[in-house]
């Protein structure tokens, strides 16, 4: 039998129960501190990761900015070099072109100074009667080899076939003779006979006029 009394047994039971409750509280307290530790660790880890991520983003942004600035400097430097090289290449071409242009201008000037512009002497043609415009245009075409015969006028009147000239100098008379011979030769080519004398006519002093061919209404052709 137990030597303990009923009161002592009750006290022992209560003591055992209290010790069990204390052990339970200690266990729950230890678990609570572990959970708190986990929470605190998670919070600190989150803060660290956030700080590290932000710092990394800033560093990456700075690096990209520095790289872009460096690329810009390199591009500007390369562009300036290309422009310089291009100017160095163009300059000799400019000099060569300027020299060539000057030489061409000089040659052209020399050529122009040595060229004598020869203009054909101007003549006029008047005709009447049954002579056709087509016949006169053929005559003009024949005379264009030596003379400038811009047109012909159909003029009625009492005149004979002749070549008129209006200056007494030798050159004008010889020109009138050549004109008359050319017209006669043309008529011969058409199987037509033409008597075409040259005639000097005075003009008002100080006036001048080109030679004139007058073709009267005659039966030139057989």
C-alpha atoms as a PDB file:
ATOM      1  CA  UNK A   1       0.000   0.000   0.000  1.00  0.00           C
ATOM      2  CA  UNK A   2       1.028   3.553  -0.602  1.00  0.00           C
ATOM      3  CA  UNK A   3       2.338   5.448   2.320  1.00  0.00           C
ATOM      4  CA  UNK A   4       0.922   8.734   0.927  1.00  0.00           C
ATOM      5  CA  UNK A   5      -2.250  10.133   2.250  1.00  0.00           C
ATOM      6  CA  UNK A   6      -5.148  11.173   0.089  1.00  0.00           C
ATOM      7  CA  UNK A   7      -4.165  14.866   0.357  1.00  0.00           C
ATOM      8  CA  UNK A   8      -0.633  14.140  -0.653  1.00  0.00           C
ATOM      9  CA  UNK A   9      -1.787  12.116  -3.618  1.00  0.00           C
ATOM     10  CA  UNK A  10      -4.056  15.012  -4.753  1.00  0.00           C
ATOM     11  CA  UNK A  11      -1.164  17.470  -4.467  1.00  0.00           C
ATOM     12  CA  UNK A  12       1.116  15.135  -6.427  1.00  0.00           C
ATOM     13  CA  UNK A  13      -1.442  14.789  -9.180  1.00  0.00           C
ATOM     14  CA  UNK A  14      -1.909  18.554  -9.336  1.00  0.00           C
ATOM     15  CA  UNK A  15       1.884  19.027  -9.459  1.00  0.00           C
ATOM     16  CA  UNK A  16       2.216  16.538 -12.317  1.00  0.00           C
ATOM     17  CA  UNK A  17      -0.573  18.316 -14.199  1.00  0.00           C
ATOM     18  CA  UNK A  18       1.100  21.697 -13.666  1.00  0.00           C
ATOM     19  CA  UNK A  19       4.442  20.382 -14.910  1.00  0.00           C
ATOM     20  CA  UNK A  20       2.703  18.985 -17.997  1.00  0.00           C
ATOM     21  CA  UNK A  21       1.032  22.374 -18.627  1.00  0.00           C
ATOM     22  CA  UNK A  22       4.420  24.155 -18.199  1.00  0.00           C
ATOM     23  CA  UNK A  23       6.069  21.742 -20.631  1.00  0.00           C
ATOM     24  CA  UNK A  24       3.215  22.298 -23.097  1.00  0.00           C
ATOM     25  CA  UNK A  25       3.554  26.097 -22.732  1.00  0.00           C
ATOM     26  CA  UNK A  26       7.315  25.870 -23.263  1.00  0.00           C
ATOM     27  CA  UNK A  27       6.806  23.790 -26.391  1.00  0.00           C
ATOM     28  CA  UNK A  28       4.206  26.228 -27.794  1.00  0.00           C
ATOM     29  CA  UNK A  29       6.440  29.182 -26.861  1.00  0.00           C
ATOM     30  CA  UNK A  30       9.402  27.611 -28.634  1.00  0.00           C
ATOM     31  CA  UNK A  31       7.262  26.969 -31.719  1.00  0.00           C
ATOM     32  CA  UNK A  32       5.995  30.548 -31.586  1.00  0.00           C
ATOM     33  CA  UNK A  33       9.533  31.911 -31.502  1.00  0.00           C
ATOM     34  CA  UNK A  34      10.442  29.708 -34.432  1.00  0.00           C
ATOM     35  CA  UNK A  35       7.443  31.019 -36.405  1.00  0.00           C
ATOM     36  CA  UNK A  36       8.341  34.588 -35.471  1.00  0.00           C
ATOM     37  CA  UNK A  37      11.887  33.922 -36.564  1.00  0.00           C
ATOM     38  CA  UNK A  38      10.648  32.585 -39.870  1.00  0.00           C
ATOM     39  CA  UNK A  39       8.433  35.631 -40.385  1.00  0.00           C
ATOM     40  CA  UNK A  40      11.236  38.037 -39.496  1.00  0.00           C
ATOM     41  CA  UNK A  41      13.680  36.159 -41.734  1.00  0.00           C
ATOM     42  CA  UNK A  42      11.202  36.210 -44.628  1.00  0.00           C
ATOM     43  CA  UNK A  43      10.625  39.931 -44.166  1.00  0.00           C
ATOM     44  CA  UNK A  44      14.329  40.668 -44.022  1.00  0.00           C
ATOM     45  CA  UNK A  45      14.957  38.443 -47.069  1.00  0.00           C
ATOM     46  CA  UNK A  46      12.201  40.241 -48.965  1.00  0.00           C
ATOM     47  CA  UNK A  47      13.654  43.627 -48.108  1.00  0.00           C
ATOM     48  CA  UNK A  48      17.118  42.496 -49.162  1.00  0.00           C
ATOM     49  CA  UNK A  49      15.894  41.078 -52.454  1.00  0.00           C
ATOM     50  CA  UNK A  50      13.931  44.273 -53.163  1.00  0.00           C
ATOM     51  CA  UNK A  51      16.930  46.449 -52.384  1.00  0.00           C
ATOM     52  CA  UNK A  52      19.218  44.252 -54.446  1.00  0.00           C
ATOM     53  CA  UNK A  53      16.772  44.219 -57.359  1.00  0.00           C
ATOM     54  CA  UNK A  54      16.354  47.999 -57.310  1.00  0.00           C
ATOM     55  CA  UNK A  55      20.088  48.536 -57.026  1.00  0.00           C
ATOM     56  CA  UNK A  56      20.627  46.121 -59.910  1.00  0.00           C
ATOM     57  CA  UNK A  57      18.061  47.976 -62.049  1.00  0.00           C
ATOM     58  CA  UNK A  58      19.764  51.298 -61.353  1.00  0.00           C
ATOM     59  CA  UNK A  59      23.147  49.791 -62.177  1.00  0.00           C
ATOM     60  CA  UNK A  60      21.824  48.316 -65.426  1.00  0.00           C
ATOM     61  CA  UNK A  61      20.225  51.639 -66.386  1.00  0.00           C
ATOM     62  CA  UNK A  62      23.479  53.483 -65.690  1.00  0.00           C
ATOM     63  CA  UNK A  63      25.419  50.903 -67.717  1.00  0.00           C
ATOM     64  CA  UNK A  64      23.036  51.194 -70.671  1.00  0.00           C
ATOM     65  CA  UNK A  65      23.237  55.000 -70.557  1.00  0.00           C
ATOM     66  CA  UNK A  66      27.026  54.884 -70.493  1.00  0.00           C
ATOM     67  CA  UNK A  67      27.082  52.412 -73.397  1.00  0.00           C
ATOM     68  CA  UNK A  68      24.697  54.560 -75.430  1.00  0.00           C
ATOM     69  CA  UNK A  69      26.807  57.652 -74.785  1.00  0.00           C
ATOM     70  CA  UNK A  70      29.943  55.772 -75.812  1.00  0.00           C
ATOM     71  CA  UNK A  71      28.269  54.489 -78.997  1.00  0.00           C
ATOM     72  CA  UNK A  72      27.140  58.052 -79.761  1.00  0.00           C
ATOM     73  CA  UNK A  73      30.689  59.335 -79.340  1.00  0.00           C
ATOM     74  CA  UNK A  74      32.038  56.552 -81.554  1.00  0.00           C
ATOM     75  CA  UNK A  75      29.377  57.252 -84.219  1.00  0.00           C
ATOM     76  CA  UNK A  76      30.111  60.991 -84.202  1.00  0.00           C
ATOM     77  CA  UNK A  77      33.817  60.305 -84.410  1.00  0.00           C
ATOM     78  CA  UNK A  78      33.366  57.905 -87.319  1.00  0.00           C
ATOM     79  CA  UNK A  79      31.040  60.349 -89.110  1.00  0.00           C
ATOM     80  CA  UNK A  80      33.520  63.196 -88.708  1.00  0.00           C
ATOM     81  CA  UNK A  81      36.266  60.949 -90.070  1.00  0.00           C
ATOM     82  CA  UNK A  82      34.106  59.963 -93.058  1.00  0.00           C
ATOM     83  CA  UNK A  83      33.320  63.619 -93.785  1.00  0.00           C
ATOM     84  CA  UNK A  84      36.986  64.509 -93.527  1.00  0.00           C
ATOM     85  CA  UNK A  85      37.992  61.631 -95.817  1.00  0.00           C
ATOM     86  CA  UNK A  86      35.256  62.606 -98.301  1.00  0.00           C
ATOM     87  CA  UNK A  87      36.401  66.229 -98.330  1.00  0.00           C
ATOM     88  CA  UNK A  88      39.966  65.076 -98.853  1.00  0.00           C
ATOM     89  CA  UNK A  89      38.808  62.975-101.826  1.00  0.00           C
ATOM     90  CA  UNK A  90      36.604  65.709-103.309  1.00  0.00           C
ATOM     91  CA  UNK A  91      39.174  68.482-103.073  1.00  0.00           C
ATOM     92  CA  UNK A  92      41.490  67.049-105.794  1.00  0.00           C
ATOM     93  CA  UNK A  93      38.433  66.543-108.012  1.00  0.00           C
ATOM     94  CA  UNK A  94      37.404  70.167-107.498  1.00  0.00           C
ATOM     95  CA  UNK A  95      40.874  71.326-108.439  1.00  0.00           C
ATOM     96  CA  UNK A  96      40.910  69.055-111.519  1.00  0.00           C
ATOM     97  CA  UNK A  97      37.435  70.188-112.600  1.00  0.00           C
ATOM     98  CA  UNK A  98      38.314  73.846-112.110  1.00  0.00           C
ATOM     99  CA  UNK A  99      41.477  73.377-114.162  1.00  0.00           C
ATOM    100  CA  UNK A 100      39.609  71.498-116.898  1.00  0.00           C
ATOM    101  CA  UNK A 101      36.877  74.132-116.999  1.00  0.00           C
ATOM    102  CA  UNK A 102      39.465  76.902-117.296  1.00  0.00           C
ATOM    103  CA  UNK A 103      41.250  75.033-120.093  1.00  0.00           C
ATOM    104  CA  UNK A 104      37.989  74.464-121.959  1.00  0.00           C
ATOM    105  CA  UNK A 105      37.041  78.115-121.614  1.00  0.00           C
ATOM    106  CA  UNK A 106      40.471  79.134-122.878  1.00  0.00           C
ATOM    107  CA  UNK A 107      40.246  76.761-125.856  1.00  0.00           C
ATOM    108  CA  UNK A 108      36.709  77.894-126.590  1.00  0.00           C
ATOM    109  CA  UNK A 109      37.831  81.513-126.441  1.00  0.00           C
ATOM    110  CA  UNK A 110      40.714  80.772-128.800  1.00  0.00           C
ATOM    111  CA  UNK A 111      38.372  78.909-131.132  1.00  0.00           C
ATOM    112  CA  UNK A 112      35.834  81.719-131.150  1.00  0.00           C
ATOM    113  CA  UNK A 113      38.542  84.304-131.783  1.00  0.00           C
ATOM    114  CA  UNK A 114      39.810  82.322-134.763  1.00  0.00           C
ATOM    115  CA  UNK A 115      36.398  81.623-136.292  1.00  0.00           C
ATOM    116  CA  UNK A 116      35.112  84.103-138.791  1.00  0.00           C
ATOM    117  CA  UNK A 117      31.359  83.998-139.018  1.00  0.00           C
ATOM    118  CA  UNK A 118      30.363  84.030-142.661  1.00  0.00           C
ATOM    119  CA  UNK A 119      26.825  85.139-143.347  1.00  0.00           C
ATOM    120  CA  UNK A 120      25.159  84.692-146.696  1.00  0.00           C
ATOM    121  CA  UNK A 121      24.259  87.931-148.453  1.00  0.00           C
ATOM    122  CA  UNK A 122      20.583  88.792-148.310  1.00  0.00           C
ATOM    123  CA  UNK A 123      18.547  89.017-151.531  1.00  0.00           C
ATOM    124  CA  UNK A 124      14.903  89.685-152.397  1.00  0.00           C
ATOM    125  CA  UNK A 125      12.789  88.115-155.157  1.00  0.00           C
ATOM    126  CA  UNK A 126       9.783  89.769-156.851  1.00  0.00           C
ATOM    127  CA  UNK A 127       7.706  88.085-159.549  1.00  0.00           C
ATOM    128  CA  UNK A 128       4.407  88.416-161.441  1.00  0.00           C
ATOM    129  CA  UNK A 129       2.072  86.813-163.968  1.00  0.00           C
ATOM    130  CA  UNK A 130       1.825  83.082-164.527  1.00  0.00           C
ATOM    131  CA  UNK A 131       4.970  82.157-162.591  1.00  0.00           C
ATOM    132  CA  UNK A 132       3.847  79.735-159.871  1.00  0.00           C
ATOM    133  CA  UNK A 133       4.758  79.927-156.198  1.00  0.00           C
ATOM    134  CA  UNK A 134       6.137  76.358-156.406  1.00  0.00           C
ATOM    135  CA  UNK A 135       8.541  77.415-159.173  1.00  0.00           C
ATOM    136  CA  UNK A 136       9.733  80.410-157.143  1.00  0.00           C
ATOM    137  CA  UNK A 137      10.255  78.247-154.032  1.00  0.00           C
ATOM    138  CA  UNK A 138      12.434  75.891-156.086  1.00  0.00           C
ATOM    139  CA  UNK A 139      14.429  78.914-157.257  1.00  0.00           C
ATOM    140  CA  UNK A 140      14.861  80.079-153.657  1.00  0.00           C
ATOM    141  CA  UNK A 141      16.094  76.611-152.694  1.00  0.00           C
ATOM    142  CA  UNK A 142      18.692  76.760-155.475  1.00  0.00           C
ATOM    143  CA  UNK A 143      19.894  80.220-154.420  1.00  0.00           C
ATOM    144  CA  UNK A 144      20.156  79.272-150.700  1.00  0.00           C
ATOM    145  CA  UNK A 145      23.520  77.635-151.414  1.00  0.00           C
ATOM    146  CA  UNK A 146      25.064  81.101-151.832  1.00  0.00           C
ATOM    147  CA  UNK A 147      22.413  83.633-150.862  1.00  0.00           C
ATOM    148  CA  UNK A 148      19.854  84.154-148.132  1.00  0.00           C
ATOM    149  CA  UNK A 149      16.516  84.339-149.916  1.00  0.00           C
ATOM    150  CA  UNK A 150      13.951  84.536-147.096  1.00  0.00           C
ATOM    151  CA  UNK A 151      10.857  84.941-149.244  1.00  0.00           C
ATOM    152  CA  UNK A 152       9.368  86.147-152.508  1.00  0.00           C
ATOM    153  CA  UNK A 153       6.684  88.723-153.343  1.00  0.00           C
ATOM    154  CA  UNK A 154       4.198  88.600-156.183  1.00  0.00           C
ATOM    155  CA  UNK A 155       4.130  92.214-157.392  1.00  0.00           C
ATOM    156  CA  UNK A 156       2.107  93.444-160.344  1.00  0.00           C
ATOM    157  CA  UNK A 157       3.515  96.255-162.447  1.00  0.00           C
ATOM    158  CA  UNK A 158       5.203  97.244-165.674  1.00  0.00           C
ATOM    159  CA  UNK A 159       8.782  95.958-165.320  1.00  0.00           C
ATOM    160  CA  UNK A 160      11.201  93.659-167.106  1.00  0.00           C
ATOM    161  CA  UNK A 161      13.203  90.729-165.777  1.00  0.00           C
ATOM    162  CA  UNK A 162      16.442  91.984-164.227  1.00  0.00           C
ATOM    163  CA  UNK A 163      18.683  91.995-161.152  1.00  0.00           C
ATOM    164  CA  UNK A 164      18.920  95.324-159.385  1.00  0.00           C
ATOM    165  CA  UNK A 165      21.739  96.407-157.085  1.00  0.00           C
ATOM    166  CA  UNK A 166      22.055  99.651-155.147  1.00  0.00           C
ATOM    167  CA  UNK A 167      25.736 100.300-154.499  1.00  0.00           C
ATOM    168  CA  UNK A 168      28.456 101.262-156.950  1.00  0.00           C
ATOM    169  CA  UNK A 169      31.227  99.432-155.122  1.00  0.00           C
ATOM    170  CA  UNK A 170      32.825  96.541-156.951  1.00  0.00           C
ATOM    171  CA  UNK A 171      31.790  93.835-154.506  1.00  0.00           C
ATOM    172  CA  UNK A 172      28.087  94.661-154.761  1.00  0.00           C
ATOM    173  CA  UNK A 173      28.239  94.644-158.568  1.00  0.00           C
ATOM    174  CA  UNK A 174      30.007  91.282-158.615  1.00  0.00           C
ATOM    175  CA  UNK A 175      27.449  89.918-156.172  1.00  0.00           C
ATOM    176  CA  UNK A 176      24.651  91.050-158.498  1.00  0.00           C
ATOM    177  CA  UNK A 177      26.350  89.323-161.440  1.00  0.00           C
ATOM    178  CA  UNK A 178      26.681  86.046-159.492  1.00  0.00           C
ATOM    179  CA  UNK A 179      23.043  86.293-158.506  1.00  0.00           C
ATOM    180  CA  UNK A 180      21.933  86.824-162.093  1.00  0.00           C
ATOM    181  CA  UNK A 181      24.022  83.866-163.334  1.00  0.00           C
ATOM    182  CA  UNK A 182      22.607  81.588-160.609  1.00  0.00           C
ATOM    183  CA  UNK A 183      19.038  82.489-161.592  1.00  0.00           C
ATOM    184  CA  UNK A 184      19.787  81.911-165.298  1.00  0.00           C
ATOM    185  CA  UNK A 185      21.344  78.513-164.530  1.00  0.00           C
ATOM    186  CA  UNK A 186      18.235  77.513-162.595  1.00  0.00           C
ATOM    187  CA  UNK A 187      15.986  78.470-165.517  1.00  0.00           C
ATOM    188  CA  UNK A 188      18.184  76.466-167.886  1.00  0.00           C
ATOM    189  CA  UNK A 189      17.798  73.404-165.627  1.00  0.00           C
ATOM    190  CA  UNK A 190      14.050  73.773-166.184  1.00  0.00           C
ATOM    191  CA  UNK A 191      14.479  74.050-169.981  1.00  0.00           C
ATOM    192  CA  UNK A 192      13.634  77.740-169.792  1.00  0.00           C
ATOM    193  CA  UNK A 193      15.432  80.639-171.434  1.00  0.00           C
ATOM    194  CA  UNK A 194      15.928  83.842-169.464  1.00  0.00           C
ATOM    195  CA  UNK A 195      17.665  87.097-170.268  1.00  0.00           C
ATOM    196  CA  UNK A 196      18.515  88.655-166.921  1.00  0.00           C
ATOM    197  CA  UNK A 197      20.652  91.804-167.077  1.00  0.00           C
ATOM    198  CA  UNK A 198      21.926  93.567-163.956  1.00  0.00           C
ATOM    199  CA  UNK A 199      20.902  97.144-163.331  1.00  0.00           C
ATOM    200  CA  UNK A 200      22.266  99.721-160.901  1.00  0.00           C
ATOM    201  CA  UNK A 201      19.683 101.872-159.115  1.00  0.00           C
ATOM    202  CA  UNK A 202      20.436 104.944-157.002  1.00  0.00           C
ATOM    203  CA  UNK A 203      19.011 105.181-153.516  1.00  0.00           C
ATOM    204  CA  UNK A 204      18.660 108.145-151.209  1.00  0.00           C
ATOM    205  CA  UNK A 205      22.053 109.096-149.775  1.00  0.00           C
ATOM    206  CA  UNK A 206      22.926 107.002-146.729  1.00  0.00           C
ATOM    207  CA  UNK A 207      20.443 104.274-147.624  1.00  0.00           C
ATOM    208  CA  UNK A 208      21.312 100.695-148.589  1.00  0.00           C
ATOM    209  CA  UNK A 209      19.404  97.684-149.840  1.00  0.00           C
ATOM    210  CA  UNK A 210      20.189  94.031-150.747  1.00  0.00           C
ATOM    211  CA  UNK A 211      20.172  92.965-154.424  1.00  0.00           C
ATOM    212  CA  UNK A 212      16.752  92.198-155.887  1.00  0.00           C
ATOM    213  CA  UNK A 213      15.630  89.685-158.530  1.00  0.00           C
ATOM    214  CA  UNK A 214      12.699  90.896-160.650  1.00  0.00           C
ATOM    215  CA  UNK A 215      10.922  88.346-162.859  1.00  0.00           C
ATOM    216  CA  UNK A 216       8.387  89.796-165.288  1.00  0.00           C
ATOM    217  CA  UNK A 217       5.418  88.021-166.862  1.00  0.00           C
ATOM    218  CA  UNK A 218       7.158  86.500-169.848  1.00  0.00           C
ATOM    219  CA  UNK A 219       7.066  83.188-171.700  1.00  0.00           C
ATOM    220  CA  UNK A 220      10.351  81.807-170.393  1.00  0.00           C
ATOM    221  CA  UNK A 221       9.771  78.180-171.149  1.00  0.00           C
ATOM    222  CA  UNK A 222       8.976  76.507-174.498  1.00  0.00           C
END
